[in-house]
């Protein structure tokens, strides 16, 4: 019984992390990991969010 519960928890965790990655929820966490490895000072969560919006919408979009 415990093995099945652990397997379910592991599978759920993997699916949850996948959904978070697709939705962009992990972006700041991943950014922090990279910046710390490079030895730089990270932006705050708010600064990171504003910067990501600027990068996303500062270029020409050809979708419509």
Protein backbone atom coordinates (compact mmCIF):
# COMPACT_ATOMS: atom_id res chain seq x y z
CA UNK A 1 0.00 0.00 0.00
CA UNK A 2 2.78 2.45 0.88
CA UNK A 3 4.58 1.69 -2.37
CA UNK A 4 1.47 2.56 -4.39
CA UNK A 5 1.03 5.80 -2.46
CA UNK A 6 4.66 6.75 -3.05
CA UNK A 7 4.33 5.93 -6.74
CA UNK A 8 1.18 8.06 -7.01
CA UNK A 9 2.82 10.95 -5.16
CA UNK A 10 5.85 10.76 -7.41
CA UNK A 11 3.73 10.67 -10.57
CA UNK A 12 1.56 13.56 -9.35
CA UNK A 13 4.65 15.59 -8.50
CA UNK A 14 6.05 15.03 -11.99
CA UNK A 15 2.81 16.05 -13.66
CA UNK A 16 2.50 19.11 -11.41
CA UNK A 17 6.05 20.23 -12.24
CA UNK A 18 5.34 19.75 -15.95
CA UNK A 19 2.19 21.90 -15.74
CA UNK A 20 4.07 24.58 -13.80
CA UNK A 21 6.81 24.61 -16.45
CA UNK A 22 4.31 25.00 -19.28
CA UNK A 23 2.47 27.81 -17.49
CA UNK A 24 5.70 29.64 -16.67
CA UNK A 25 5.38 29.32 -12.90
CA UNK A 26 8.88 27.87 -12.61
CA UNK A 27 10.53 30.66 -14.58
CA UNK A 28 11.65 32.68 -11.56
CA UNK A 29 12.88 29.61 -9.69
CA UNK A 30 14.91 28.51 -12.71
CA UNK A 31 16.24 32.05 -13.14
CA UNK A 32 17.42 32.08 -9.50
CA UNK A 33 19.27 28.79 -9.98
CA UNK A 34 21.10 30.09 -13.06
CA UNK A 35 21.98 33.45 -11.52
CA UNK A 36 23.31 31.87 -8.33
CA UNK A 37 25.48 29.48 -10.36
CA UNK A 38 26.90 32.46 -12.23
CA UNK A 39 27.55 34.32 -8.98
CA UNK A 40 25.41 37.33 -9.91
CA UNK A 41 22.89 39.25 -7.84
CA UNK A 42 19.35 38.15 -8.74
CA UNK A 43 16.43 40.44 -9.47
CA UNK A 44 13.50 40.44 -7.09
CA UNK A 45 10.41 38.51 -8.17
CA UNK A 46 8.67 41.75 -9.14
CA UNK A 47 11.65 43.01 -11.13
CA UNK A 48 11.92 39.66 -12.89
CA UNK A 49 8.22 39.73 -13.80
CA UNK A 50 8.43 43.29 -15.21
CA UNK A 51 11.59 42.41 -17.15
CA UNK A 52 9.98 39.30 -18.63
CA UNK A 53 6.95 41.35 -19.73
CA UNK A 54 9.21 43.93 -21.35
CA UNK A 55 11.13 41.22 -23.20
CA UNK A 56 7.93 39.51 -24.31
CA UNK A 57 6.13 42.60 -25.62
CA UNK A 58 8.98 44.78 -26.85
CA UNK A 59 9.33 42.95 -30.16
CA UNK A 60 7.06 42.94 -33.19
CA UNK A 61 4.47 40.16 -33.14
CA UNK A 62 3.27 38.73 -36.43
CA UNK A 63 0.51 36.57 -35.01
CA UNK A 64 -2.51 38.64 -36.11
